[in-house]
Amino acid sequence: MMELPNGEIIMHAGQQYDPVKAHEYYLRTRKLKGRRKGGQSQVGIGRAVAKVATKGAGRGQAQVIPHPRARAEQKRQLAVRIRQLEGKLKQLEDLIKQKEAVVKRNEARAKGPKKPTASDKAKKARESKQYRQKHKQELKAKAKKAAAAKSPTAASSTGGSKSATGATKPSEMHIKDLKMIATRVRGQLAVAKAKLRAL
């Protein structure tokens, strides 16, 4: 028995090496493992089995060759994903076109009419005054309703539904945001098509 400087004790430090005992220990504790031919092995992927071959791959890298059924399933899933992305992209592009058309119409309307002259303004003012005198009671009732609707209790009961959901529909989004989403979808579509070509 021998003690090391750190306090550990070595039990067999003073004994001689016995090759017979060493061989017996080896025979008791050995676990034989079969040799893999050419570095190939079978790896299970779900139900389908894929072969891992080092042929054609760099040193220390394995190339995965999927089973034909697994490859067909991947192709089917990618085709479905591509159809979904194409449909989504078409919807976004149609929505962008509609919103841009509305913006152009609004801009044309804003530019279209000429500024009213002083006589036009005076005529409108006279017509407004006559209307107010004829419909005095109706206007008072409308003003009371508007004031009641603006009270804090009414605002708290009606407002807040949009912020509670947090998500806005594409039809309510700004053109710039829609274009960003369309760009993202185009990128996802390109990746999916590249994966499909690679299979």
N, C-alpha and C. Protein backbone atom coordinates (compact mmCIF):
# COMPACT_ATOMS: atom_id res chain seq x y z
N MET A 1 0.85 -1.18 0.00
CA MET A 1 0.00 0.00 0.00
C MET A 1 0.89 1.24 0.00
N MET A 2 0.47 2.23 -0.80
CA MET A 2 1.28 3.43 -0.94
C MET A 2 0.38 4.65 -0.93
N GLU A 3 0.82 5.73 -0.29
CA GLU A 3 0.02 6.94 -0.21
C GLU A 3 0.64 8.03 -1.08
N LEU A 4 -0.22 8.69 -1.90
CA LEU A 4 0.23 9.77 -2.77
C LEU A 4 0.24 11.09 -2.00
N PRO A 5 0.94 12.14 -2.51
CA PRO A 5 0.99 13.44 -1.81
C PRO A 5 -0.39 14.06 -1.59
N ASN A 6 -1.36 13.77 -2.47
CA ASN A 6 -2.69 14.37 -2.31
C ASN A 6 -3.57 13.58 -1.35
N GLY A 7 -3.05 12.47 -0.80
CA GLY A 7 -3.81 11.71 0.20
C GLY A 7 -4.45 10.45 -0.34
N GLU A 8 -4.39 10.20 -1.67
CA GLU A 8 -4.98 8.99 -2.23
C GLU A 8 -4.09 7.79 -1.92
N ILE A 9 -4.71 6.65 -1.77
CA ILE A 9 -3.96 5.43 -1.45
C ILE A 9 -3.99 4.51 -2.65
N ILE A 10 -2.82 4.03 -3.07
CA ILE A 10 -2.72 3.06 -4.16
C ILE A 10 -2.55 1.70 -3.52
N MET A 11 -3.51 0.81 -3.78
CA MET A 11 -3.53 -0.49 -3.10
C MET A 11 -2.44 -1.44 -3.60
N HIS A 12 -2.18 -1.48 -4.90
CA HIS A 12 -1.28 -2.50 -5.45
C HIS A 12 0.04 -1.90 -5.90
N ALA A 13 0.48 -0.84 -5.28
CA ALA A 13 1.69 -0.16 -5.72
C ALA A 13 2.93 -1.00 -5.52
N GLY A 14 3.02 -1.75 -4.44
CA GLY A 14 4.24 -2.48 -4.14
C GLY A 14 4.29 -3.87 -4.74
N GLN A 15 3.23 -4.35 -5.38
CA GLN A 15 3.19 -5.71 -5.90
C GLN A 15 3.86 -5.80 -7.27
N GLN A 16 4.34 -6.98 -7.59
CA GLN A 16 4.97 -7.26 -8.88
C GLN A 16 3.89 -7.48 -9.95
N TYR A 17 4.24 -7.19 -11.21
CA TYR A 17 3.31 -7.43 -12.32
C TYR A 17 3.25 -8.91 -12.60
N ASP A 18 2.04 -9.46 -12.63
CA ASP A 18 1.86 -10.89 -12.91
C ASP A 18 1.10 -11.02 -14.23
N PRO A 19 1.78 -11.47 -15.31
CA PRO A 19 1.12 -11.56 -16.61
C PRO A 19 -0.02 -12.57 -16.64
N VAL A 20 0.04 -13.63 -15.86
CA VAL A 20 -1.03 -14.65 -15.86
C VAL A 20 -2.30 -14.06 -15.26
N LYS A 21 -2.13 -13.37 -14.13
CA LYS A 21 -3.30 -12.71 -13.51
C LYS A 21 -3.88 -11.64 -14.44
N ALA A 22 -3.02 -10.91 -15.09
CA ALA A 22 -3.49 -9.86 -16.02
C ALA A 22 -4.28 -10.48 -17.16
N HIS A 23 -3.80 -11.64 -17.69
CA HIS A 23 -4.51 -12.30 -18.79
C HIS A 23 -5.87 -12.83 -18.32
N GLU A 24 -5.88 -13.40 -17.12
CA GLU A 24 -7.16 -13.89 -16.57
C GLU A 24 -8.16 -12.74 -16.40
N TYR A 25 -7.66 -11.60 -15.90
CA TYR A 25 -8.53 -10.42 -15.73
C TYR A 25 -9.08 -9.97 -17.09
N TYR A 26 -8.22 -9.99 -18.10
CA TYR A 26 -8.66 -9.58 -19.45
C TYR A 26 -9.75 -10.52 -19.96
N LEU A 27 -9.56 -11.85 -19.77
CA LEU A 27 -10.55 -12.81 -20.25
C LEU A 27 -11.90 -12.64 -19.53
N ARG A 28 -11.85 -12.28 -18.24
CA ARG A 28 -13.10 -12.07 -17.48
C ARG A 28 -13.85 -10.81 -17.92
N THR A 29 -13.13 -9.77 -18.23
CA THR A 29 -13.78 -8.46 -18.45
C THR A 29 -13.91 -8.05 -19.92
N ARG A 30 -13.42 -8.85 -20.85
CA ARG A 30 -13.44 -8.41 -22.24
C ARG A 30 -14.86 -8.40 -22.80
N LYS A 31 -15.10 -7.47 -23.67
CA LYS A 31 -16.38 -7.38 -24.38
C LYS A 31 -16.03 -7.22 -25.85
N LEU A 32 -16.26 -8.25 -26.62
CA LEU A 32 -15.88 -8.23 -28.02
C LEU A 32 -16.92 -7.48 -28.84
N LYS A 33 -16.45 -6.66 -29.76
CA LYS A 33 -17.33 -5.90 -30.64
C LYS A 33 -16.99 -6.26 -32.07
N GLY A 34 -18.00 -6.49 -32.88
CA GLY A 34 -17.78 -6.84 -34.28
C GLY A 34 -17.24 -5.66 -35.06
N ARG A 35 -16.47 -5.96 -36.09
CA ARG A 35 -15.89 -4.90 -36.92
C ARG A 35 -16.90 -4.49 -37.98
N ARG A 36 -17.04 -3.17 -38.20
CA ARG A 36 -17.96 -2.68 -39.23
C ARG A 36 -17.24 -2.66 -40.56
N LYS A 37 -17.85 -3.25 -41.57
CA LYS A 37 -17.22 -3.30 -42.88
C LYS A 37 -17.30 -1.94 -43.56
N GLY A 38 -16.19 -1.41 -43.95
CA GLY A 38 -16.15 -0.17 -44.73
C GLY A 38 -16.79 1.02 -44.05
N GLY A 39 -16.99 0.99 -42.77
CA GLY A 39 -17.58 2.12 -42.06
C GLY A 39 -19.06 2.29 -42.30
N GLN A 40 -19.76 1.24 -42.77
CA GLN A 40 -21.21 1.34 -43.03
C GLN A 40 -21.99 0.80 -41.85
N SER A 41 -23.16 1.39 -41.61
CA SER A 41 -24.05 0.89 -40.56
C SER A 41 -25.48 1.19 -40.94
N GLN A 42 -26.40 0.54 -40.28
CA GLN A 42 -27.83 0.77 -40.52
C GLN A 42 -28.36 1.69 -39.43
N VAL A 43 -29.06 2.74 -39.84
CA VAL A 43 -29.63 3.69 -38.88
C VAL A 43 -31.12 3.77 -39.14
N GLY A 44 -31.94 3.62 -38.10
CA GLY A 44 -33.39 3.66 -38.27
C GLY A 44 -33.91 5.09 -38.23
N ILE A 45 -34.70 5.47 -39.21
CA ILE A 45 -35.34 6.79 -39.22
C ILE A 45 -36.84 6.54 -39.32
N GLY A 46 -37.52 6.57 -38.16
CA GLY A 46 -38.96 6.29 -38.15
C GLY A 46 -39.18 4.86 -38.62
N ARG A 47 -40.07 4.66 -39.58
CA ARG A 47 -40.30 3.35 -40.15
C ARG A 47 -39.28 3.04 -41.24
N ALA A 48 -38.91 4.09 -41.98
CA ALA A 48 -37.98 3.89 -43.08
C ALA A 48 -36.56 3.76 -42.54
N VAL A 49 -35.73 3.01 -43.24
CA VAL A 49 -34.35 2.81 -42.83
C VAL A 49 -33.45 3.51 -43.81
N ALA A 50 -32.48 4.26 -43.30
CA ALA A 50 -31.55 4.98 -44.16
C ALA A 50 -30.17 4.39 -43.99
N LYS A 51 -29.42 4.32 -45.07
CA LYS A 51 -28.04 3.84 -45.00
C LYS A 51 -27.13 5.03 -44.83
N VAL A 52 -26.17 4.88 -43.93
CA VAL A 52 -25.18 5.93 -43.72
C VAL A 52 -23.91 5.44 -44.38
N ALA A 53 -23.48 6.12 -45.43
CA ALA A 53 -22.28 5.70 -46.15
C ALA A 53 -21.27 6.83 -46.14
N THR A 54 -20.02 6.47 -45.96
CA THR A 54 -18.97 7.49 -45.96
C THR A 54 -18.46 7.74 -47.36
N LYS A 55 -18.88 6.94 -48.31
CA LYS A 55 -18.41 7.09 -49.69
C LYS A 55 -18.87 8.43 -50.24
N GLY A 56 -17.99 9.20 -50.81
CA GLY A 56 -18.33 10.49 -51.41
C GLY A 56 -18.34 11.62 -50.42
N ALA A 57 -18.35 11.33 -49.13
CA ALA A 57 -18.36 12.39 -48.12
C ALA A 57 -16.93 12.67 -47.70
N GLY A 58 -16.73 13.82 -47.07
CA GLY A 58 -15.40 14.18 -46.58
C GLY A 58 -14.98 13.28 -45.44
N ARG A 59 -13.74 13.37 -45.05
CA ARG A 59 -13.21 12.52 -43.98
C ARG A 59 -13.94 12.80 -42.67
N GLY A 60 -14.46 11.76 -42.08
CA GLY A 60 -15.16 11.90 -40.81
C GLY A 60 -16.61 12.36 -40.96
N GLN A 61 -17.11 12.51 -42.19
CA GLN A 61 -18.49 12.93 -42.42
C GLN A 61 -19.27 11.77 -43.01
N ALA A 62 -20.56 11.71 -42.71
CA ALA A 62 -21.42 10.66 -43.24
C ALA A 62 -22.48 11.27 -44.13
N GLN A 63 -22.79 10.57 -45.21
CA GLN A 63 -23.82 11.04 -46.14
C GLN A 63 -25.06 10.20 -45.89
N VAL A 64 -26.20 10.83 -45.63
CA VAL A 64 -27.43 10.11 -45.33
C VAL A 64 -28.22 9.92 -46.62
N ILE A 65 -28.53 8.66 -46.92
CA ILE A 65 -29.33 8.34 -48.11
C ILE A 65 -30.67 7.82 -47.61
N PRO A 66 -31.75 8.61 -47.73
CA PRO A 66 -33.04 8.18 -47.19
C PRO A 66 -33.66 7.05 -47.99
N HIS A 67 -34.49 6.30 -47.34
CA HIS A 67 -35.23 5.20 -47.97
C HIS A 67 -36.19 5.79 -49.01
N PRO A 68 -36.48 5.08 -50.11
CA PRO A 68 -37.37 5.63 -51.15
C PRO A 68 -38.74 6.06 -50.63
N ARG A 69 -39.31 5.30 -49.68
CA ARG A 69 -40.62 5.71 -49.14
C ARG A 69 -40.52 6.99 -48.34
N ALA A 70 -39.44 7.13 -47.58
CA ALA A 70 -39.24 8.36 -46.79
C ALA A 70 -39.03 9.54 -47.73
N ARG A 71 -38.28 9.33 -48.81
CA ARG A 71 -38.04 10.39 -49.78
C ARG A 71 -39.36 10.81 -50.46
N ALA A 72 -40.20 9.84 -50.80
CA ALA A 72 -41.49 10.15 -51.44
C ALA A 72 -42.38 10.95 -50.49
N GLU A 73 -42.35 10.59 -49.20
CA GLU A 73 -43.15 11.32 -48.20
C GLU A 73 -42.65 12.75 -48.05
N GLN A 74 -41.32 12.92 -48.03
CA GLN A 74 -40.76 14.27 -47.94
C GLN A 74 -41.14 15.11 -49.16
N LYS A 75 -41.09 14.50 -50.35
CA LYS A 75 -41.47 15.22 -51.57
C LYS A 75 -42.93 15.64 -51.52
N ARG A 76 -43.79 14.73 -51.02
CA ARG A 76 -45.22 15.05 -50.93
C ARG A 76 -45.45 16.22 -49.98
N GLN A 77 -44.79 16.19 -48.81
CA GLN A 77 -44.94 17.26 -47.82
C GLN A 77 -44.41 18.59 -48.37
N LEU A 78 -43.28 18.55 -49.08
CA LEU A 78 -42.74 19.78 -49.66
C LEU A 78 -43.65 20.33 -50.74
N ALA A 79 -44.26 19.44 -51.55
CA ALA A 79 -45.18 19.90 -52.60
C ALA A 79 -46.40 20.59 -51.99
N VAL A 80 -46.91 20.02 -50.89
CA VAL A 80 -48.06 20.63 -50.19
C VAL A 80 -47.66 21.99 -49.64
N ARG A 81 -46.47 22.08 -49.04
CA ARG A 81 -45.98 23.35 -48.47
C ARG A 81 -45.82 24.40 -49.56
N ILE A 82 -45.29 23.98 -50.72
CA ILE A 82 -45.11 24.92 -51.84
C ILE A 82 -46.45 25.44 -52.32
N ARG A 83 -47.45 24.56 -52.44
CA ARG A 83 -48.79 25.01 -52.87
C ARG A 83 -49.38 26.01 -51.87
N GLN A 84 -49.21 25.74 -50.57
CA GLN A 84 -49.72 26.65 -49.55
C GLN A 84 -49.04 28.01 -49.65
N LEU A 85 -47.70 28.01 -49.79
CA LEU A 85 -46.96 29.28 -49.88
C LEU A 85 -47.33 30.06 -51.14
N GLU A 86 -47.52 29.34 -52.27
CA GLU A 86 -47.90 30.03 -53.50
C GLU A 86 -49.29 30.67 -53.36
N GLY A 87 -50.22 29.95 -52.72
CA GLY A 87 -51.55 30.50 -52.49
C GLY A 87 -51.51 31.74 -51.60
N LYS A 88 -50.71 31.65 -50.54
CA LYS A 88 -50.58 32.79 -49.62
C LYS A 88 -49.95 33.99 -50.32
N LEU A 89 -48.93 33.72 -51.15
CA LEU A 89 -48.26 34.80 -51.88
C LEU A 89 -49.22 35.46 -52.86
N LYS A 90 -50.05 34.67 -53.54
CA LYS A 90 -51.02 35.23 -54.50
C LYS A 90 -52.03 36.12 -53.77
N GLN A 91 -52.51 35.65 -52.61
CA GLN A 91 -53.46 36.46 -51.82
C GLN A 91 -52.82 37.79 -51.41
N LEU A 92 -51.58 37.72 -50.93
CA LEU A 92 -50.90 38.95 -50.50
C LEU A 92 -50.70 39.91 -51.67
N GLU A 93 -50.28 39.38 -52.83
CA GLU A 93 -50.07 40.25 -53.99
C GLU A 93 -51.37 40.89 -54.46
N ASP A 94 -52.48 40.11 -54.45
CA ASP A 94 -53.78 40.68 -54.82
C ASP A 94 -54.19 41.78 -53.85
N LEU A 95 -53.99 41.54 -52.56
CA LEU A 95 -54.34 42.54 -51.54
C LEU A 95 -53.51 43.80 -51.70
N ILE A 96 -52.21 43.63 -52.00
CA ILE A 96 -51.33 44.79 -52.21
C ILE A 96 -51.82 45.59 -53.41
N LYS A 97 -52.18 44.91 -54.50
CA LYS A 97 -52.68 45.61 -55.70
C LYS A 97 -53.96 46.39 -55.38
N GLN A 98 -54.87 45.77 -54.62
CA GLN A 98 -56.12 46.45 -54.27
C GLN A 98 -55.84 47.71 -53.44
N LYS A 99 -54.96 47.57 -52.44
CA LYS A 99 -54.66 48.72 -51.57
C LYS A 99 -53.96 49.83 -52.35
N GLU A 100 -53.05 49.44 -53.26
CA GLU A 100 -52.37 50.46 -54.07
C GLU A 100 -53.36 51.18 -54.97
N ALA A 101 -54.35 50.46 -55.52
CA ALA A 101 -55.37 51.08 -56.36
C ALA A 101 -56.20 52.07 -55.55
N VAL A 102 -56.54 51.71 -54.31
CA VAL A 102 -57.31 52.62 -53.44
C VAL A 102 -56.49 53.87 -53.14
N VAL A 103 -55.20 53.69 -52.86
CA VAL A 103 -54.33 54.84 -52.58
C VAL A 103 -54.27 55.77 -53.79
N LYS A 104 -54.12 55.19 -54.98
CA LYS A 104 -54.07 56.02 -56.20
C LYS A 104 -55.37 56.78 -56.42
N ARG A 105 -56.50 56.10 -56.18
CA ARG A 105 -57.80 56.79 -56.33
C ARG A 105 -57.91 57.95 -55.35
N ASN A 106 -57.51 57.71 -54.10
CA ASN A 106 -57.58 58.77 -53.09
C ASN A 106 -56.68 59.95 -53.45
N GLU A 107 -55.48 59.65 -53.98
CA GLU A 107 -54.58 60.72 -54.39
C GLU A 107 -55.16 61.51 -55.55
N ALA A 108 -55.81 60.81 -56.49
CA ALA A 108 -56.43 61.48 -57.64
C ALA A 108 -57.58 62.38 -57.18
N ARG A 109 -58.35 61.89 -56.21
CA ARG A 109 -59.45 62.70 -55.68
C ARG A 109 -58.93 63.95 -54.97
N ALA A 110 -57.84 63.77 -54.22
CA ALA A 110 -57.28 64.90 -53.49
C ALA A 110 -56.76 65.97 -54.44
N LYS A 111 -56.20 65.56 -55.56
CA LYS A 111 -55.67 66.51 -56.52
C LYS A 111 -56.76 67.08 -57.42
N GLY A 112 -57.81 66.28 -57.67
CA GLY A 112 -58.81 66.60 -58.69
C GLY A 112 -59.57 67.91 -58.51
N PRO A 113 -60.36 68.07 -57.46
CA PRO A 113 -61.21 69.26 -57.39
C PRO A 113 -60.40 70.54 -57.13
N LYS A 114 -60.90 71.61 -57.72
CA LYS A 114 -60.24 72.90 -57.54
C LYS A 114 -60.64 73.51 -56.21
N LYS A 115 -59.87 74.46 -55.75
CA LYS A 115 -60.18 75.15 -54.49
C LYS A 115 -61.44 76.00 -54.70
N PRO A 116 -62.34 75.98 -53.69
CA PRO A 116 -63.56 76.78 -53.84
C PRO A 116 -63.26 78.29 -53.77
N THR A 117 -64.02 79.02 -54.55
CA THR A 117 -63.85 80.49 -54.56
C THR A 117 -64.60 81.09 -53.38
N ALA A 118 -64.46 82.41 -53.18
CA ALA A 118 -65.13 83.10 -52.06
C ALA A 118 -66.64 83.02 -52.21
N SER A 119 -67.15 83.15 -53.44
CA SER A 119 -68.61 83.09 -53.64
C SER A 119 -69.14 81.69 -53.34
N ASP A 120 -68.34 80.62 -53.69
CA ASP A 120 -68.76 79.25 -53.38
C ASP A 120 -68.82 79.04 -51.87
N LYS A 121 -67.83 79.57 -51.15
CA LYS A 121 -67.81 79.45 -49.69
C LYS A 121 -69.01 80.16 -49.07
N ALA A 122 -69.33 81.35 -49.55
CA ALA A 122 -70.46 82.11 -49.01
C ALA A 122 -71.77 81.37 -49.26
N LYS A 123 -71.90 80.79 -50.44
CA LYS A 123 -73.11 80.04 -50.79
C LYS A 123 -73.28 78.84 -49.86
N LYS A 124 -72.18 78.11 -49.62
CA LYS A 124 -72.22 76.95 -48.73
C LYS A 124 -72.58 77.36 -47.30
N ALA A 125 -72.03 78.47 -46.84
CA ALA A 125 -72.31 78.96 -45.49
C ALA A 125 -73.79 79.27 -45.33
N ARG A 126 -74.39 79.91 -46.38
CA ARG A 126 -75.84 80.22 -46.32
C ARG A 126 -76.67 78.95 -46.26
N GLU A 127 -76.29 77.97 -47.06
CA GLU A 127 -77.04 76.70 -47.08
C GLU A 127 -76.92 75.98 -45.73
N SER A 128 -75.75 76.02 -45.13
CA SER A 128 -75.54 75.39 -43.82
C SER A 128 -76.39 76.06 -42.75
N LYS A 129 -76.44 77.38 -42.79
CA LYS A 129 -77.21 78.13 -41.80
C LYS A 129 -78.69 77.79 -41.92
N GLN A 130 -79.18 77.71 -43.16
CA GLN A 130 -80.59 77.36 -43.38
C GLN A 130 -80.88 75.94 -42.86
N TYR A 131 -79.97 75.04 -43.14
CA TYR A 131 -80.16 73.65 -42.69
C TYR A 131 -80.20 73.59 -41.16
N ARG A 132 -79.28 74.29 -40.49
CA ARG A 132 -79.23 74.29 -39.02
C ARG A 132 -80.52 74.85 -38.43
N GLN A 133 -81.08 75.90 -39.05
CA GLN A 133 -82.31 76.49 -38.52
C GLN A 133 -83.49 75.54 -38.70
N LYS A 134 -83.56 74.82 -39.81
CA LYS A 134 -84.67 73.90 -40.06
C LYS A 134 -84.59 72.67 -39.14
N HIS A 135 -83.38 72.15 -38.89
CA HIS A 135 -83.20 70.89 -38.17
C HIS A 135 -82.54 71.10 -36.80
N LYS A 136 -82.95 72.14 -36.08
CA LYS A 136 -82.34 72.49 -34.80
C LYS A 136 -82.48 71.36 -33.77
N GLN A 137 -83.68 70.83 -33.63
CA GLN A 137 -83.94 69.79 -32.62
C GLN A 137 -83.18 68.50 -32.94
N GLU A 138 -83.15 68.09 -34.19
CA GLU A 138 -82.44 66.87 -34.57
C GLU A 138 -80.94 66.99 -34.27
N LEU A 139 -80.37 68.15 -34.56
CA LEU A 139 -78.95 68.35 -34.32
C LEU A 139 -78.61 68.31 -32.83
N LYS A 140 -79.52 68.86 -31.98
CA LYS A 140 -79.30 68.82 -30.53
C LYS A 140 -79.32 67.37 -30.04
N ALA A 141 -80.25 66.58 -30.54
CA ALA A 141 -80.36 65.18 -30.12
C ALA A 141 -79.10 64.40 -30.54
N LYS A 142 -78.61 64.66 -31.74
CA LYS A 142 -77.39 63.99 -32.22
C LYS A 142 -76.18 64.38 -31.38
N ALA A 143 -76.11 65.65 -30.98
CA ALA A 143 -74.99 66.12 -30.17
C ALA A 143 -75.00 65.45 -28.80
N LYS A 144 -76.21 65.26 -28.21
CA LYS A 144 -76.31 64.59 -26.91
C LYS A 144 -75.85 63.13 -27.02
N LYS A 145 -76.26 62.46 -28.10
CA LYS A 145 -75.86 61.06 -28.30
C LYS A 145 -74.34 60.96 -28.46
N ALA A 146 -73.75 61.86 -29.21
CA ALA A 146 -72.30 61.85 -29.42
C ALA A 146 -71.56 62.09 -28.11
N ALA A 147 -72.08 62.99 -27.26
CA ALA A 147 -71.45 63.27 -25.97
C ALA A 147 -71.55 62.05 -25.06
N ALA A 148 -72.68 61.35 -25.10
CA ALA A 148 -72.85 60.16 -24.27
C ALA A 148 -71.90 59.05 -24.73
N ALA A 149 -71.69 58.95 -26.02
CA ALA A 149 -70.81 57.91 -26.57
C ALA A 149 -69.35 58.18 -26.21
N LYS A 150 -68.98 59.45 -26.02
CA LYS A 150 -67.60 59.81 -25.70
C LYS A 150 -67.28 59.70 -24.21
N SER A 151 -68.27 59.41 -23.38
CA SER A 151 -68.03 59.33 -21.94
C SER A 151 -67.10 58.15 -21.65
N PRO A 152 -66.31 58.19 -20.52
CA PRO A 152 -65.32 57.15 -20.22
C PRO A 152 -65.91 55.75 -20.08
N THR A 153 -67.12 55.62 -19.54
CA THR A 153 -67.71 54.29 -19.35
C THR A 153 -68.02 53.65 -20.70
N ALA A 154 -68.53 54.42 -21.64
CA ALA A 154 -68.85 53.88 -22.96
C ALA A 154 -67.59 53.51 -23.71
N ALA A 155 -66.56 54.34 -23.58
CA ALA A 155 -65.30 54.09 -24.29
C ALA A 155 -64.64 52.82 -23.77
N SER A 156 -64.70 52.60 -22.45
CA SER A 156 -64.04 51.41 -21.90
C SER A 156 -64.79 50.15 -22.27
N SER A 157 -66.13 50.23 -22.42
CA SER A 157 -66.89 49.03 -22.77
C SER A 157 -66.74 48.68 -24.23
N THR A 158 -66.61 49.70 -25.11
CA THR A 158 -66.52 49.41 -26.54
C THR A 158 -65.10 49.23 -27.00
N GLY A 159 -64.15 49.94 -26.43
CA GLY A 159 -62.77 49.90 -26.91
C GLY A 159 -62.00 48.73 -26.35
N GLY A 160 -60.79 48.50 -26.91
CA GLY A 160 -59.90 47.48 -26.36
C GLY A 160 -60.03 46.13 -27.00
N SER A 161 -60.98 45.92 -27.92
CA SER A 161 -61.11 44.60 -28.51
C SER A 161 -59.95 44.31 -29.44
N LYS A 162 -59.47 45.32 -30.15
CA LYS A 162 -58.36 45.11 -31.09
C LYS A 162 -57.06 44.84 -30.34
N SER A 163 -56.82 45.56 -29.25
CA SER A 163 -55.58 45.36 -28.51
C SER A 163 -55.60 44.04 -27.76
N ALA A 164 -56.77 43.54 -27.40
CA ALA A 164 -56.84 42.27 -26.69
C ALA A 164 -56.40 41.13 -27.58
N THR A 165 -56.79 41.17 -28.86
CA THR A 165 -56.40 40.09 -29.76
C THR A 165 -54.94 40.21 -30.13
N GLY A 166 -54.45 41.44 -30.35
CA GLY A 166 -53.05 41.63 -30.67
C GLY A 166 -52.72 41.39 -32.14
N ALA A 167 -53.46 40.53 -32.81
CA ALA A 167 -53.18 40.21 -34.21
C ALA A 167 -54.09 41.02 -35.12
N THR A 168 -53.53 41.53 -36.21
CA THR A 168 -54.32 42.25 -37.18
C THR A 168 -54.46 41.41 -38.43
N LYS A 169 -55.61 41.54 -39.08
CA LYS A 169 -55.86 40.80 -40.31
C LYS A 169 -55.04 41.43 -41.43
N PRO A 170 -54.68 40.63 -42.46
CA PRO A 170 -53.93 41.20 -43.58
C PRO A 170 -54.68 42.35 -44.26
N SER A 171 -56.02 42.28 -44.30
CA SER A 171 -56.79 43.35 -44.95
C SER A 171 -56.69 44.67 -44.19
N GLU A 172 -56.33 44.62 -42.88
CA GLU A 172 -56.21 45.84 -42.07
C GLU A 172 -54.78 46.37 -42.02
N MET A 173 -53.83 45.63 -42.60
CA MET A 173 -52.42 46.01 -42.51
C MET A 173 -52.05 47.05 -43.56
N HIS A 174 -50.94 47.75 -43.30
CA HIS A 174 -50.43 48.77 -44.21
C HIS A 174 -49.72 48.08 -45.38
N ILE A 175 -49.64 48.76 -46.52
CA ILE A 175 -49.03 48.19 -47.72
C ILE A 175 -47.58 47.79 -47.46
N LYS A 176 -46.85 48.63 -46.72
CA LYS A 176 -45.43 48.36 -46.44
C LYS A 176 -45.28 47.03 -45.69
N ASP A 177 -46.14 46.80 -44.69
CA ASP A 177 -46.09 45.56 -43.92
C ASP A 177 -46.45 44.36 -44.78
N LEU A 178 -47.45 44.52 -45.65
CA LEU A 178 -47.84 43.44 -46.55
C LEU A 178 -46.70 43.07 -47.49
N LYS A 179 -45.98 44.09 -47.98
CA LYS A 179 -44.84 43.82 -48.87
C LYS A 179 -43.73 43.08 -48.14
N MET A 180 -43.51 43.41 -46.86
CA MET A 180 -42.50 42.69 -46.07
C MET A 180 -42.88 41.22 -45.91
N ILE A 181 -44.16 40.97 -45.61
CA ILE A 181 -44.63 39.59 -45.44
C ILE A 181 -44.50 38.84 -46.76
N ALA A 182 -44.85 39.50 -47.88
CA ALA A 182 -44.75 38.86 -49.20
C ALA A 182 -43.30 38.49 -49.51
N THR A 183 -42.36 39.36 -49.15
CA THR A 183 -40.93 39.07 -49.37
C THR A 183 -40.50 37.86 -48.55
N ARG A 184 -40.97 37.79 -47.31
CA ARG A 184 -40.64 36.65 -46.44
C ARG A 184 -41.20 35.35 -47.03
N VAL A 185 -42.44 35.41 -47.53
CA VAL A 185 -43.08 34.22 -48.10
C VAL A 185 -42.32 33.79 -49.36
N ARG A 186 -41.86 34.77 -50.17
CA ARG A 186 -41.08 34.42 -51.37
C ARG A 186 -39.80 33.68 -50.99
N GLY A 187 -39.16 34.13 -49.91
CA GLY A 187 -37.95 33.46 -49.43
C GLY A 187 -38.23 32.04 -48.99
N GLN A 188 -39.32 31.84 -48.22
CA GLN A 188 -39.69 30.51 -47.77
C GLN A 188 -40.01 29.61 -48.96
N LEU A 189 -40.66 30.18 -49.98
CA LEU A 189 -41.01 29.43 -51.18
C LEU A 189 -39.76 28.99 -51.93
N ALA A 190 -38.78 29.88 -52.04
CA ALA A 190 -37.53 29.54 -52.72
C ALA A 190 -36.79 28.42 -51.99
N VAL A 191 -36.78 28.47 -50.65
CA VAL A 191 -36.12 27.43 -49.85
C VAL A 191 -36.81 26.09 -50.05
N ALA A 192 -38.15 26.09 -50.03
CA ALA A 192 -38.91 24.84 -50.19
C ALA A 192 -38.66 24.25 -51.58
N LYS A 193 -38.62 25.09 -52.62
CA LYS A 193 -38.37 24.60 -53.97
C LYS A 193 -36.96 24.03 -54.09
N ALA A 194 -36.00 24.67 -53.45
CA ALA A 194 -34.62 24.17 -53.48
C ALA A 194 -34.52 22.80 -52.79
N LYS A 195 -35.23 22.64 -51.66
CA LYS A 195 -35.23 21.36 -50.97
C LYS A 195 -35.86 20.28 -51.84
N LEU A 196 -36.95 20.63 -52.54
CA LEU A 196 -37.62 19.67 -53.40
C LEU A 196 -36.72 19.25 -54.55
N ARG A 197 -35.97 20.20 -55.12
CA ARG A 197 -35.04 19.86 -56.20
C ARG A 197 -33.91 18.97 -55.71
N ALA A 198 -33.49 19.18 -54.45
CA ALA A 198 -32.38 18.40 -53.89
C ALA A 198 -32.75 16.94 -53.63
N LEU A 199 -34.04 16.67 -53.43
CA LEU A 199 -34.47 15.28 -53.16
C LEU A 199 -34.45 14.43 -54.42
